[in-house]
Amino acid sequence: MKALNAIGLSGLTVLVLALLSGAAFSQQKSLKDQLVGSWTLVSASQMTKEGVKSDRRGANPRGRAVFEADG
């Protein structure tokens, strides 16, 4: 009986997650809308083909970008 309960609960969980993901997908904003706002640069690192990481703007880069809805 416990195994049947576990299977039923697992099925219900999968169903709920599928419904929630569908709702989230339909409400997704465009890339333009997602980028609107104020952004702060926190890292500018680069990885070479050999696997070596380098900080392109130093250890503590500073920068800010503001994107408005009107472009």
Protein backbone atom coordinates (compact mmCIF):
# COMPACT_ATOMS: atom_id res chain seq x y z
CA MET A 1 0.00 0.00 0.00
CA LYS A 2 2.86 2.39 0.80
CA ALA A 3 4.42 1.76 -2.63
CA LEU A 4 1.12 2.61 -4.30
CA ASN A 5 0.94 5.84 -2.27
CA ALA A 6 4.50 6.77 -3.27
CA ILE A 7 3.73 6.16 -6.96
CA GLY A 8 0.54 8.22 -6.75
CA LEU A 9 2.36 11.06 -4.99
CA SER A 10 5.15 10.97 -7.58
CA GLY A 11 2.63 11.13 -10.40
CA LEU A 12 0.83 14.05 -8.79
CA THR A 13 4.13 15.89 -8.33
CA VAL A 14 5.04 15.42 -12.00
CA LEU A 15 1.61 16.67 -13.08
CA VAL A 16 1.82 19.79 -10.90
CA LEU A 17 5.35 20.59 -12.11
CA ALA A 18 4.27 20.18 -15.73
CA LEU A 19 1.36 22.56 -15.24
CA LEU A 20 3.52 25.13 -13.47
CA SER A 21 6.22 25.05 -16.12
CA GLY A 22 3.63 25.59 -18.86
CA ALA A 23 2.26 28.65 -17.09
CA ALA A 24 5.76 30.07 -16.58
CA PHE A 25 6.65 29.47 -20.23
CA SER A 26 3.61 31.35 -21.51
CA GLN A 27 4.38 34.36 -19.31
CA GLN A 28 8.02 34.71 -20.33
CA LYS A 29 9.12 38.25 -21.22
CA SER A 30 11.02 39.11 -24.38
CA LEU A 31 14.79 39.54 -24.15
CA LYS A 32 14.35 43.30 -24.53
CA ASP A 33 12.00 43.40 -21.51
CA GLN A 34 14.31 41.19 -19.47
CA LEU A 35 17.29 43.51 -20.01
CA VAL A 36 15.52 46.74 -18.98
CA GLY A 37 17.04 48.10 -15.78
CA SER A 38 20.34 48.95 -14.15
CA TRP A 39 23.21 46.47 -14.35
CA THR A 40 26.50 46.40 -12.42
CA LEU A 41 29.65 44.73 -13.77
CA VAL A 42 30.89 42.14 -11.27
CA SER A 43 33.20 40.03 -13.41
CA ALA A 44 34.93 40.16 -16.80
CA SER A 45 36.86 36.91 -16.96
CA GLN A 46 37.81 34.90 -20.01
CA MET A 47 38.73 31.21 -20.39
CA THR A 48 41.30 30.30 -23.04
CA LYS A 49 41.19 27.11 -25.10
CA GLU A 50 43.86 25.69 -22.80
CA GLY A 51 41.61 26.22 -19.76
CA VAL A 52 43.46 29.23 -18.32
CA LYS A 53 41.20 31.85 -16.75
CA SER A 54 42.17 35.53 -16.94
CA ASP A 55 40.47 38.65 -15.59
CA ARG A 56 40.20 40.98 -18.57
CA ARG A 57 39.53 44.10 -16.48
CA GLY A 58 41.51 43.27 -13.34
CA ALA A 59 40.51 41.56 -10.11
CA ASN A 60 37.74 44.02 -9.16
CA PRO A 61 36.24 45.56 -12.30
CA ARG A 62 33.81 48.45 -11.98
CA GLY A 63 31.11 49.38 -14.42
CA ARG A 64 27.43 50.12 -14.79
CA ALA A 65 24.96 49.94 -17.66
CA VAL A 66 21.40 51.23 -17.78
CA PHE A 67 18.90 49.98 -20.35
CA GLU A 68 15.58 51.80 -20.67
CA ALA A 69 12.40 50.47 -22.26
CA ASP A 70 12.42 53.11 -25.01
CA GLY A 71 15.82 51.98 -26.28
